[in-house]
Amino acid sequence: MEDKRVTLGEDCVEPELLSPGSSGPRSEGPRGPVPPPQPPGLLARLKAFIAAGLALLGVVLVFSGALLTSTVIGAIIGIPLLILGALVFFLLFKLLASGSPSPIIFRRF
């Protein structure tokens, strides 16, 4: 079997991370001053507020459903509460996953 490690003298192609709209690789010099980050917009704050509410509602539904399943009568109410809590968590993760795509592109050579 042949050894496929790259030695220091061989030429090879390495992948690079590119940002959309960039003008190519960054120069080796020092960077300029970095401006402070912008505060989140209204939609981002609203999305975070709704996500926090959904997370709280999901936890309350799952815990109350788990406590009610200790008796047979409580299981009739508790199991649907557990399912409803799982549905709320599913909606929470869908909400958090929605949005713009990642700004980093991985190019393959």
PDB file of N, CA and C in Angstrom:
ATOM      1  N   MET A   1       0.840  -1.172   0.000  1.00  0.00           N
ATOM      2  CA  MET A   1       0.000   0.000   0.000  1.00  0.00           C
ATOM      3  C   MET A   1       0.889   1.241   0.000  1.00  0.00           C
ATOM      4  N   GLU A   2       0.464   2.223  -0.634  1.00  0.00           N
ATOM      5  CA  GLU A   2       1.248   3.429  -0.832  1.00  0.00           C
ATOM      6  C   GLU A   2       0.916   4.481   0.237  1.00  0.00           C
ATOM      7  N   ASP A   3       1.941   5.192   0.709  1.00  0.00           N
ATOM      8  CA  ASP A   3       1.757   6.227   1.734  1.00  0.00           C
ATOM      9  C   ASP A   3       1.250   7.506   1.055  1.00  0.00           C
ATOM     10  N   LYS A   4       0.087   8.048   1.500  1.00  0.00           N
ATOM     11  CA  LYS A   4      -0.535   9.200   0.833  1.00  0.00           C
ATOM     12  C   LYS A   4      -0.386  10.485   1.622  1.00  0.00           C
ATOM     13  N   ARG A   5       0.544  10.559   2.553  1.00  0.00           N
ATOM     14  CA  ARG A   5       0.742  11.807   3.289  1.00  0.00           C
ATOM     15  C   ARG A   5       1.459  12.826   2.407  1.00  0.00           C
ATOM     16  N   VAL A   6       1.136  14.086   2.613  1.00  0.00           N
ATOM     17  CA  VAL A   6       1.740  15.169   1.826  1.00  0.00           C
ATOM     18  C   VAL A   6       2.996  15.632   2.545  1.00  0.00           C
ATOM     19  N   THR A   7       4.086  15.709   1.808  1.00  0.00           N
ATOM     20  CA  THR A   7       5.332  16.207   2.392  1.00  0.00           C
ATOM     21  C   THR A   7       5.392  17.713   2.217  1.00  0.00           C
ATOM     22  N   LEU A   8       6.378  18.335   2.839  1.00  0.00           N
ATOM     23  CA  LEU A   8       6.498  19.785   2.792  1.00  0.00           C
ATOM     24  C   LEU A   8       6.828  20.299   1.399  1.00  0.00           C
ATOM     25  N   GLY A   9       7.468  19.513   0.565  1.00  0.00           N
ATOM     26  CA  GLY A   9       7.880  19.968  -0.755  1.00  0.00           C
ATOM     27  C   GLY A   9       6.805  19.837  -1.811  1.00  0.00           C
ATOM     28  N   GLU A  10       5.736  19.088  -1.552  1.00  0.00           N
ATOM     29  CA  GLU A  10       4.703  18.866  -2.560  1.00  0.00           C
ATOM     30  C   GLU A  10       3.700  20.014  -2.589  1.00  0.00           C
ATOM     31  N   ASP A  11       3.166  20.254  -3.771  1.00  0.00           N
ATOM     32  CA  ASP A  11       2.098  21.246  -3.917  1.00  0.00           C
ATOM     33  C   ASP A  11       0.761  20.558  -3.653  1.00  0.00           C
ATOM     34  N   CYS A  12      -0.115  21.276  -2.990  1.00  0.00           N
ATOM     35  CA  CYS A  12      -1.440  20.724  -2.724  1.00  0.00           C
ATOM     36  C   CYS A  12      -2.456  21.859  -2.724  1.00  0.00           C
ATOM     37  N   VAL A  13      -3.712  21.497  -2.869  1.00  0.00           N
ATOM     38  CA  VAL A  13      -4.795  22.468  -2.873  1.00  0.00           C
ATOM     39  C   VAL A  13      -5.499  22.369  -1.518  1.00  0.00           C
ATOM     40  N   GLU A  14      -5.621  23.489  -0.835  1.00  0.00           N
ATOM     41  CA  GLU A  14      -6.287  23.505   0.461  1.00  0.00           C
ATOM     42  C   GLU A  14      -7.614  24.242   0.327  1.00  0.00           C
ATOM     43  N   PRO A  15      -8.665  23.758   1.007  1.00  0.00           N
ATOM     44  CA  PRO A  15      -9.942  24.476   0.957  1.00  0.00           C
ATOM     45  C   PRO A  15      -9.835  25.792   1.722  1.00  0.00           C
ATOM     46  N   GLU A  16     -10.638  26.752   1.330  1.00  0.00           N
ATOM     47  CA  GLU A  16     -10.623  28.036   2.017  1.00  0.00           C
ATOM     48  C   GLU A  16     -12.052  28.464   2.316  1.00  0.00           C
ATOM     49  N   LEU A  17     -12.227  29.216   3.358  1.00  0.00           N
ATOM     50  CA  LEU A  17     -13.541  29.734   3.729  1.00  0.00           C
ATOM     51  C   LEU A  17     -13.732  31.085   3.057  1.00  0.00           C
ATOM     52  N   LEU A  18     -14.857  31.236   2.376  1.00  0.00           N
ATOM     53  CA  LEU A  18     -15.156  32.485   1.694  1.00  0.00           C
ATOM     54  C   LEU A  18     -16.480  33.026   2.189  1.00  0.00           C
ATOM     55  N   SER A  19     -16.566  34.284   2.261  1.00  0.00           N
ATOM     56  CA  SER A  19     -17.810  34.944   2.639  1.00  0.00           C
ATOM     57  C   SER A  19     -18.427  35.532   1.378  1.00  0.00           C
ATOM     58  N   PRO A  20     -19.763  35.457   1.210  1.00  0.00           N
ATOM     59  CA  PRO A  20     -20.359  36.015  -0.007  1.00  0.00           C
ATOM     60  C   PRO A  20     -20.066  37.507  -0.137  1.00  0.00           C
ATOM     61  N   GLY A  21     -19.669  37.913  -1.312  1.00  0.00           N
ATOM     62  CA  GLY A  21     -19.375  39.316  -1.559  1.00  0.00           C
ATOM     63  C   GLY A  21     -17.972  39.722  -1.155  1.00  0.00           C
ATOM     64  N   SER A  22     -17.150  38.769  -0.729  1.00  0.00           N
ATOM     65  CA  SER A  22     -15.799  39.140  -0.324  1.00  0.00           C
ATOM     66  C   SER A  22     -14.935  39.347  -1.565  1.00  0.00           C
ATOM     67  N   SER A  23     -13.874  40.074  -1.398  1.00  0.00           N
ATOM     68  CA  SER A  23     -13.004  40.396  -2.534  1.00  0.00           C
ATOM     69  C   SER A  23     -11.804  39.465  -2.608  1.00  0.00           C
ATOM     70  N   GLY A  24     -11.832  38.358  -1.936  1.00  0.00           N
ATOM     71  CA  GLY A  24     -10.729  37.423  -1.999  1.00  0.00           C
ATOM     72  C   GLY A  24     -10.091  37.259  -0.635  1.00  0.00           C
ATOM     73  N   PRO A  25      -8.934  36.609  -0.604  1.00  0.00           N
ATOM     74  CA  PRO A  25      -8.270  36.386   0.681  1.00  0.00           C
ATOM     75  C   PRO A  25      -7.844  37.691   1.334  1.00  0.00           C
ATOM     76  N   ARG A  26      -7.837  37.696   2.641  1.00  0.00           N
ATOM     77  CA  ARG A  26      -7.464  38.884   3.404  1.00  0.00           C
ATOM     78  C   ARG A  26      -5.949  39.050   3.380  1.00  0.00           C
ATOM     79  N   SER A  27      -5.514  40.283   3.361  1.00  0.00           N
ATOM     80  CA  SER A  27      -4.080  40.540   3.377  1.00  0.00           C
ATOM     81  C   SER A  27      -3.523  40.196   4.760  1.00  0.00           C
ATOM     82  N   GLU A  28      -2.218  40.063   4.818  1.00  0.00           N
ATOM     83  CA  GLU A  28      -1.569  39.644   6.059  1.00  0.00           C
ATOM     84  C   GLU A  28      -1.395  40.775   7.061  1.00  0.00           C
ATOM     85  N   GLY A  29      -1.687  41.995   6.672  1.00  0.00           N
ATOM     86  CA  GLY A  29      -1.489  43.142   7.564  1.00  0.00           C
ATOM     87  C   GLY A  29      -2.513  43.169   8.688  1.00  0.00           C
ATOM     88  N   PRO A  30      -2.330  44.062   9.648  1.00  0.00           N
ATOM     89  CA  PRO A  30      -3.286  44.143  10.763  1.00  0.00           C
ATOM     90  C   PRO A  30      -4.627  44.693  10.302  1.00  0.00           C
ATOM     91  N   ARG A  31      -5.654  44.290  10.975  1.00  0.00           N
ATOM     92  CA  ARG A  31      -6.993  44.768  10.657  1.00  0.00           C
ATOM     93  C   ARG A  31      -7.197  46.169  11.203  1.00  0.00           C
ATOM     94  N   GLY A  32      -8.153  46.865  10.627  1.00  0.00           N
ATOM     95  CA  GLY A  32      -8.505  48.191  11.123  1.00  0.00           C
ATOM     96  C   GLY A  32      -9.401  48.062  12.342  1.00  0.00           C
ATOM     97  N   PRO A  33      -9.882  49.167  12.867  1.00  0.00           N
ATOM     98  CA  PRO A  33     -10.757  49.098  14.040  1.00  0.00           C
ATOM     99  C   PRO A  33     -12.077  48.411  13.679  1.00  0.00           C
ATOM    100  N   VAL A  34     -12.557  47.587  14.585  1.00  0.00           N
ATOM    101  CA  VAL A  34     -13.796  46.846  14.371  1.00  0.00           C
ATOM    102  C   VAL A  34     -14.947  47.641  14.978  1.00  0.00           C
ATOM    103  N   PRO A  35     -15.982  47.941  14.185  1.00  0.00           N
ATOM    104  CA  PRO A  35     -17.107  48.698  14.743  1.00  0.00           C
ATOM    105  C   PRO A  35     -17.897  47.836  15.727  1.00  0.00           C
ATOM    106  N   PRO A  36     -18.566  48.453  16.685  1.00  0.00           N
ATOM    107  CA  PRO A  36     -19.349  47.661  17.645  1.00  0.00           C
ATOM    108  C   PRO A  36     -20.523  46.983  16.942  1.00  0.00           C
ATOM    109  N   PRO A  37     -20.947  45.823  17.419  1.00  0.00           N
ATOM    110  CA  PRO A  37     -22.052  45.119  16.766  1.00  0.00           C
ATOM    111  C   PRO A  37     -23.353  45.897  16.901  1.00  0.00           C
ATOM    112  N   GLN A  38     -24.187  45.767  15.894  1.00  0.00           N
ATOM    113  CA  GLN A  38     -25.478  46.440  15.898  1.00  0.00           C
ATOM    114  C   GLN A  38     -26.435  45.715  16.841  1.00  0.00           C
ATOM    115  N   PRO A  39     -27.289  46.428  17.551  1.00  0.00           N
ATOM    116  CA  PRO A  39     -28.272  45.754  18.398  1.00  0.00           C
ATOM    117  C   PRO A  39     -29.275  45.002  17.521  1.00  0.00           C
ATOM    118  N   PRO A  40     -29.852  43.909  18.041  1.00  0.00           N
ATOM    119  CA  PRO A  40     -30.791  43.138  17.223  1.00  0.00           C
ATOM    120  C   PRO A  40     -32.008  43.979  16.847  1.00  0.00           C
ATOM    121  N   GLY A  41     -32.547  43.709  15.684  1.00  0.00           N
ATOM    122  CA  GLY A  41     -33.692  44.452  15.187  1.00  0.00           C
ATOM    123  C   GLY A  41     -34.983  44.024  15.865  1.00  0.00           C
ATOM    124  N   LEU A  42     -36.062  44.639  15.454  1.00  0.00           N
ATOM    125  CA  LEU A  42     -37.366  44.369  16.047  1.00  0.00           C
ATOM    126  C   LEU A  42     -37.797  42.928  15.808  1.00  0.00           C
ATOM    127  N   LEU A  43     -37.592  42.422  14.599  1.00  0.00           N
ATOM    128  CA  LEU A  43     -38.008  41.052  14.307  1.00  0.00           C
ATOM    129  C   LEU A  43     -37.185  40.030  15.085  1.00  0.00           C
ATOM    130  N   ALA A  44     -35.899  40.282  15.267  1.00  0.00           N
ATOM    131  CA  ALA A  44     -35.061  39.359  16.032  1.00  0.00           C
ATOM    132  C   ALA A  44     -35.476  39.346  17.500  1.00  0.00           C
ATOM    133  N   ARG A  45     -35.808  40.521  18.044  1.00  0.00           N
ATOM    134  CA  ARG A  45     -36.267  40.568  19.441  1.00  0.00           C
ATOM    135  C   ARG A  45     -37.617  39.898  19.595  1.00  0.00           C
ATOM    136  N   LEU A  46     -38.502  40.081  18.620  1.00  0.00           N
ATOM    137  CA  LEU A  46     -39.814  39.438  18.654  1.00  0.00           C
ATOM    138  C   LEU A  46     -39.675  37.925  18.547  1.00  0.00           C
ATOM    139  N   LYS A  47     -38.774  37.460  17.687  1.00  0.00           N
ATOM    140  CA  LYS A  47     -38.522  36.028  17.542  1.00  0.00           C
ATOM    141  C   LYS A  47     -37.979  35.440  18.846  1.00  0.00           C
ATOM    142  N   ALA A  48     -37.081  36.146  19.516  1.00  0.00           N
ATOM    143  CA  ALA A  48     -36.536  35.674  20.787  1.00  0.00           C
ATOM    144  C   ALA A  48     -37.605  35.650  21.873  1.00  0.00           C
ATOM    145  N   PHE A  49     -38.487  36.651  21.884  1.00  0.00           N
ATOM    146  CA  PHE A  49     -39.567  36.698  22.871  1.00  0.00           C
ATOM    147  C   PHE A  49     -40.546  35.544  22.669  1.00  0.00           C
ATOM    148  N   ILE A  50     -40.910  35.271  21.419  1.00  0.00           N
ATOM    149  CA  ILE A  50     -41.815  34.156  21.130  1.00  0.00           C
ATOM    150  C   ILE A  50     -41.143  32.827  21.457  1.00  0.00           C
ATOM    151  N   ALA A  51     -39.851  32.691  21.173  1.00  0.00           N
ATOM    152  CA  ALA A  51     -39.128  31.456  21.481  1.00  0.00           C
ATOM    153  C   ALA A  51     -39.077  31.220  22.985  1.00  0.00           C
ATOM    154  N   ALA A  52     -38.876  32.276  23.761  1.00  0.00           N
ATOM    155  CA  ALA A  52     -38.851  32.115  25.223  1.00  0.00           C
ATOM    156  C   ALA A  52     -40.226  31.705  25.736  1.00  0.00           C
ATOM    157  N   GLY A  53     -41.284  32.295  25.187  1.00  0.00           N
ATOM    158  CA  GLY A  53     -42.636  31.917  25.591  1.00  0.00           C
ATOM    159  C   GLY A  53     -42.959  30.477  25.230  1.00  0.00           C
ATOM    160  N   LEU A  54     -42.565  30.044  24.034  1.00  0.00           N
ATOM    161  CA  LEU A  54     -42.803  28.656  23.630  1.00  0.00           C
ATOM    162  C   LEU A  54     -42.018  27.680  24.495  1.00  0.00           C
ATOM    163  N   ALA A  55     -40.787  28.037  24.842  1.00  0.00           N
ATOM    164  CA  ALA A  55     -39.982  27.159  25.694  1.00  0.00           C
ATOM    165  C   ALA A  55     -40.613  27.022  27.073  1.00  0.00           C
ATOM    166  N   LEU A  56     -41.072  28.117  27.633  1.00  0.00           N
ATOM    167  CA  LEU A  56     -41.718  28.072  28.946  1.00  0.00           C
ATOM    168  C   LEU A  56     -43.012  27.260  28.892  1.00  0.00           C
ATOM    169  N   LEU A  57     -43.816  27.471  27.861  1.00  0.00           N
ATOM    170  CA  LEU A  57     -45.056  26.722  27.706  1.00  0.00           C
ATOM    171  C   LEU A  57     -44.785  25.236  27.535  1.00  0.00           C
ATOM    172  N   GLY A  58     -43.772  24.884  26.747  1.00  0.00           N
ATOM    173  CA  GLY A  58     -43.421  23.479  26.542  1.00  0.00           C
ATOM    174  C   GLY A  58     -42.980  22.801  27.829  1.00  0.00           C
ATOM    175  N   VAL A  59     -42.168  23.491  28.625  1.00  0.00           N
ATOM    176  CA  VAL A  59     -41.708  22.920  29.899  1.00  0.00           C
ATOM    177  C   VAL A  59     -42.882  22.715  30.854  1.00  0.00           C
ATOM    178  N   VAL A  60     -43.774  23.696  30.927  1.00  0.00           N
ATOM    179  CA  VAL A  60     -44.939  23.579  31.815  1.00  0.00           C
ATOM    180  C   VAL A  60     -45.824  22.415  31.381  1.00  0.00           C
ATOM    181  N   LEU A  61     -46.061  22.268  30.080  1.00  0.00           N
ATOM    182  CA  LEU A  61     -46.912  21.179  29.603  1.00  0.00           C
ATOM    183  C   LEU A  61     -46.287  19.813  29.854  1.00  0.00           C
ATOM    184  N   VAL A  62     -44.998  19.684  29.611  1.00  0.00           N
ATOM    185  CA  VAL A  62     -44.335  18.390  29.820  1.00  0.00           C
ATOM    186  C   VAL A  62     -44.303  18.034  31.302  1.00  0.00           C
ATOM    187  N   PHE A  63     -43.953  18.979  32.166  1.00  0.00           N
ATOM    188  CA  PHE A  63     -43.908  18.676  33.598  1.00  0.00           C
ATOM    189  C   PHE A  63     -45.287  18.374  34.163  1.00  0.00           C
ATOM    190  N   SER A  64     -46.287  19.154  33.788  1.00  0.00           N
ATOM    191  CA  SER A  64     -47.635  18.872  34.309  1.00  0.00           C
ATOM    192  C   SER A  64     -48.154  17.548  33.767  1.00  0.00           C
ATOM    193  N   GLY A  65     -47.869  17.234  32.519  1.00  0.00           N
ATOM    194  CA  GLY A  65     -48.271  15.942  31.972  1.00  0.00           C
ATOM    195  C   GLY A  65     -47.567  14.787  32.650  1.00  0.00           C
ATOM    196  N   ALA A  66     -46.284  14.960  32.978  1.00  0.00           N
ATOM    197  CA  ALA A  66     -45.539  13.893  33.664  1.00  0.00           C
ATOM    198  C   ALA A  66     -46.062  13.692  35.084  1.00  0.00           C
ATOM    199  N   LEU A  67     -46.423  14.765  35.762  1.00  0.00           N
ATOM    200  CA  LEU A  67     -46.963  14.623  37.122  1.00  0.00           C
ATOM    201  C   LEU A  67     -48.346  13.979  37.114  1.00  0.00           C
ATOM    202  N   LEU A  68     -49.145  14.271  36.118  1.00  0.00           N
ATOM    203  CA  LEU A  68     -50.499  13.722  36.075  1.00  0.00           C
ATOM    204  C   LEU A  68     -50.546  12.252  35.680  1.00  0.00           C
ATOM    205  N   THR A  69     -49.521  11.720  35.068  1.00  0.00           N
ATOM    206  CA  THR A  69     -49.564  10.327  34.607  1.00  0.00           C
ATOM    207  C   THR A  69     -49.347   9.324  35.720  1.00  0.00           C
ATOM    208  N   SER A  70     -49.237   9.752  36.949  1.00  0.00           N
ATOM    209  CA  SER A  70     -49.019   8.804  38.049  1.00  0.00           C
ATOM    210  C   SER A  70     -50.282   8.022  38.393  1.00  0.00           C
ATOM    211  N   THR A  71     -51.461   8.497  38.019  1.00  0.00           N
ATOM    212  CA  THR A  71     -52.706   7.764  38.258  1.00  0.00           C
ATOM    213  C   THR A  71     -53.370   7.464  36.916  1.00  0.00           C
ATOM    214  N   VAL A  72     -54.312   6.537  36.935  1.00  0.00           N
ATOM    215  CA  VAL A  72     -54.986   6.154  35.698  1.00  0.00           C
ATOM    216  C   VAL A  72     -55.848   7.297  35.179  1.00  0.00           C
ATOM    217  N   ILE A  73     -56.586   7.944  36.069  1.00  0.00           N
ATOM    218  CA  ILE A  73     -57.423   9.069  35.657  1.00  0.00           C
ATOM    219  C   ILE A  73     -56.555  10.224  35.168  1.00  0.00           C
ATOM    220  N   GLY A  74     -55.449  10.472  35.852  1.00  0.00           N
ATOM    221  CA  GLY A  74     -54.552  11.557  35.444  1.00  0.00           C
ATOM    222  C   GLY A  74     -53.852  11.271  34.127  1.00  0.00           C
ATOM    223  N   ALA A  75     -53.674   9.973  33.795  1.00  0.00           N
ATOM    224  CA  ALA A  75     -53.019   9.622  32.533  1.00  0.00           C
ATOM    225  C   ALA A  75     -53.880  10.006  31.343  1.00  0.00           C
ATOM    226  N   ILE A  76     -55.198  10.017  31.539  1.00  0.00           N
ATOM    227  CA  ILE A  76     -56.099  10.405  30.451  1.00  0.00           C
ATOM    228  C   ILE A  76     -55.855  11.871  30.078  1.00  0.00           C
ATOM    229  N   ILE A  77     -55.517  12.690  31.059  1.00  0.00           N
ATOM    230  CA  ILE A  77     -55.215  14.101  30.799  1.00  0.00           C
ATOM    231  C   ILE A  77     -53.717  14.303  30.575  1.00  0.00           C
ATOM    232  N   GLY A  78     -52.880  13.556  31.279  1.00  0.00           N
ATOM    233  CA  GLY A  78     -51.433  13.781  31.250  1.00  0.00           C
ATOM    234  C   GLY A  78     -50.763  13.400  29.950  1.00  0.00           C
ATOM    235  N   ILE A  79     -51.184  12.302  29.334  1.00  0.00           N
ATOM    236  CA  ILE A  79     -50.538  11.865  28.093  1.00  0.00           C
ATOM    237  C   ILE A  79     -50.779  12.870  26.961  1.00  0.00           C
ATOM    238  N   PRO A  80     -52.009  13.368  26.778  1.00  0.00           N
ATOM    239  CA  PRO A  80     -52.151  14.422  25.760  1.00  0.00           C
ATOM    240  C   PRO A  80     -51.353  15.693  26.076  1.00  0.00           C
ATOM    241  N   LEU A  81     -51.188  15.998  27.366  1.00  0.00           N
ATOM    242  CA  LEU A  81     -50.359  17.161  27.713  1.00  0.00           C
ATOM    243  C   LEU A  81     -48.896  16.927  27.340  1.00  0.00           C
ATOM    244  N   LEU A  82     -48.396  15.715  27.531  1.00  0.00           N
ATOM    245  CA  LEU A  82     -47.031  15.388  27.124  1.00  0.00           C
ATOM    246  C   LEU A  82     -46.870  15.511  25.611  1.00  0.00           C
ATOM    247  N   ILE A  83     -47.855  15.023  24.881  1.00  0.00           N
ATOM    248  CA  ILE A  83     -47.795  15.119  23.420  1.00  0.00           C
ATOM    249  C   ILE A  83     -47.867  16.575  22.975  1.00  0.00           C
ATOM    250  N   LEU A  84     -48.725  17.345  23.606  1.00  0.00           N
ATOM    251  CA  LEU A  84     -48.835  18.764  23.280  1.00  0.00           C
ATOM    252  C   LEU A  84     -47.538  19.510  23.610  1.00  0.00           C
ATOM    253  N   GLY A  85     -46.899  19.160  24.733  1.00  0.00           N
ATOM    254  CA  GLY A  85     -45.611  19.766  25.085  1.00  0.00           C
ATOM    255  C   GLY A  85     -44.530  19.431  24.073  1.00  0.00           C
ATOM    256  N   ALA A  86     -44.519  18.174  23.587  1.00  0.00           N
ATOM    257  CA  ALA A  86     -43.549  17.793  22.557  1.00  0.00           C
ATOM    258  C   ALA A  86     -43.810  18.556  21.265  1.00  0.00           C
ATOM    259  N   LEU A  87     -45.080  18.780  20.933  1.00  0.00           N
ATOM    260  CA  LEU A  87     -45.422  19.553  19.746  1.00  0.00           C
ATOM    261  C   LEU A  87     -44.963  21.004  19.879  1.00  0.00           C
ATOM    262  N   VAL A  88     -45.103  21.570  21.077  1.00  0.00           N
ATOM    263  CA  VAL A  88     -44.650  22.948  21.305  1.00  0.00           C
ATOM    264  C   VAL A  88     -43.131  23.032  21.147  1.00  0.00           C
ATOM    265  N   PHE A  89     -42.382  22.037  21.659  1.00  0.00           N
ATOM    266  CA  PHE A  89     -40.929  22.040  21.486  1.00  0.00           C
ATOM    267  C   PHE A  89     -40.553  21.888  20.012  1.00  0.00           C
ATOM    268  N   PHE A  90     -41.310  21.072  19.271  1.00  0.00           N
ATOM    269  CA  PHE A  90     -41.056  20.932  17.840  1.00  0.00           C
ATOM    270  C   PHE A  90     -41.243  22.276  17.137  1.00  0.00           C
ATOM    271  N   LEU A  91     -42.315  22.983  17.468  1.00  0.00           N
ATOM    272  CA  LEU A  91     -42.545  24.302  16.879  1.00  0.00           C
ATOM    273  C   LEU A  91     -41.461  25.296  17.282  1.00  0.00           C
ATOM    274  N   LEU A  92     -40.972  25.184  18.517  1.00  0.00           N
ATOM    275  CA  LEU A  92     -39.894  26.055  18.977  1.00  0.00           C
ATOM    276  C   LEU A  92     -38.630  25.847  18.147  1.00  0.00           C
ATOM    277  N   PHE A  93     -38.262  24.595  17.917  1.00  0.00           N
ATOM    278  CA  PHE A  93     -37.054  24.329  17.137  1.00  0.00           C
ATOM    279  C   PHE A  93     -37.230  24.734  15.673  1.00  0.00           C
ATOM    280  N   LYS A  94     -38.430  24.588  15.137  1.00  0.00           N
ATOM    281  CA  LYS A  94     -38.680  25.055  13.773  1.00  0.00           C
ATOM    282  C   LYS A  94     -38.552  26.578  13.691  1.00  0.00           C
ATOM    283  N   LEU A  95     -39.052  27.279  14.713  1.00  0.00           N
ATOM    284  CA  LEU A  95     -38.945  28.737  14.741  1.00  0.00           C
ATOM    285  C   LEU A  95     -37.492  29.173  14.829  1.00  0.00           C
ATOM    286  N   LEU A  96     -36.726  28.518  15.685  1.00  0.00           N
ATOM    287  CA  LEU A  96     -35.324  28.901  15.852  1.00  0.00           C
ATOM    288  C   LEU A  96     -34.479  28.546  14.635  1.00  0.00           C
ATOM    289  N   ALA A  97     -34.876  27.518  13.895  1.00  0.00           N
ATOM    290  CA  ALA A  97     -34.110  27.114  12.714  1.00  0.00           C
ATOM    291  C   ALA A  97     -34.452  27.946  11.488  1.00  0.00           C
ATOM    292  N   SER A  98     -35.567  28.663  11.528  1.00  0.00           N
ATOM    293  CA  SER A  98     -35.935  29.478  10.372  1.00  0.00           C
ATOM    294  C   SER A  98     -35.079  30.738  10.344  1.00  0.00           C
ATOM    295  N   GLY A  99     -34.889  31.258   9.161  1.00  0.00           N
ATOM    296  CA  GLY A  99     -34.095  32.481   9.041  1.00  0.00           C
ATOM    297  C   GLY A  99     -33.221  32.426   7.818  1.00  0.00           C
ATOM    298  N   SER A 100     -32.288  33.342   7.744  1.00  0.00           N
ATOM    299  CA  SER A 100     -31.410  33.403   6.581  1.00  0.00           C
ATOM    300  C   SER A 100     -30.374  32.282   6.643  1.00  0.00           C
ATOM    301  N   PRO A 101     -29.883  31.866   5.482  1.00  0.00           N
ATOM    302  CA  PRO A 101     -28.860  30.812   5.468  1.00  0.00           C
ATOM    303  C   PRO A 101     -27.535  31.318   6.029  1.00  0.00           C
ATOM    304  N   SER A 102     -26.655  30.395   6.283  1.00  0.00           N
ATOM    305  CA  SER A 102     -25.348  30.725   6.846  1.00  0.00           C
ATOM    306  C   SER A 102     -24.547  31.594   5.882  1.00  0.00           C
ATOM    307  N   PRO A 103     -23.855  32.641   6.374  1.00  0.00           N
ATOM    308  CA  PRO A 103     -23.102  33.518   5.474  1.00  0.00           C
ATOM    309  C   PRO A 103     -21.764  32.938   5.034  1.00  0.00           C
ATOM    310  N   ILE A 104     -21.381  31.767   5.495  1.00  0.00           N
ATOM    311  CA  ILE A 104     -20.089  31.172   5.141  1.00  0.00           C
ATOM    312  C   ILE A 104     -20.308  30.088   4.102  1.00  0.00           C
ATOM    313  N   ILE A 105     -19.521  30.107   3.038  1.00  0.00           N
ATOM    314  CA  ILE A 105     -19.623  29.117   1.973  1.00  0.00           C
ATOM    315  C   ILE A 105     -18.367  28.262   2.019  1.00  0.00           C
ATOM    316  N   PHE A 106     -18.560  26.940   2.020  1.00  0.00           N
ATOM    317  CA  PHE A 106     -17.431  26.014   1.961  1.00  0.00           C
ATOM    318  C   PHE A 106     -17.286  25.550   0.522  1.00  0.00           C
ATOM    319  N   ARG A 107     -16.209  25.935  -0.123  1.00  0.00           N
ATOM    320  CA  ARG A 107     -15.980  25.517  -1.499  1.00  0.00           C
ATOM    321  C   ARG A 107     -15.151  24.259  -1.514  1.00  0.00           C
ATOM    322  N   ARG A 108     -15.553  23.337  -2.371  1.00  0.00           N
ATOM    323  CA  ARG A 108     -14.806  22.073  -2.511  1.00  0.00           C
ATOM    324  C   ARG A 108     -14.023  22.111  -3.805  1.00  0.00           C
ATOM    325  N   PHE A 109     -12.800  21.615  -3.752  1.00  0.00           N
ATOM    326  CA  PHE A 109     -11.959  21.591  -4.951  1.00  0.00           C
ATOM    327  C   PHE A 109     -11.856  20.186  -5.457  1.00  0.00           C
TER     328      PHE A 109
END
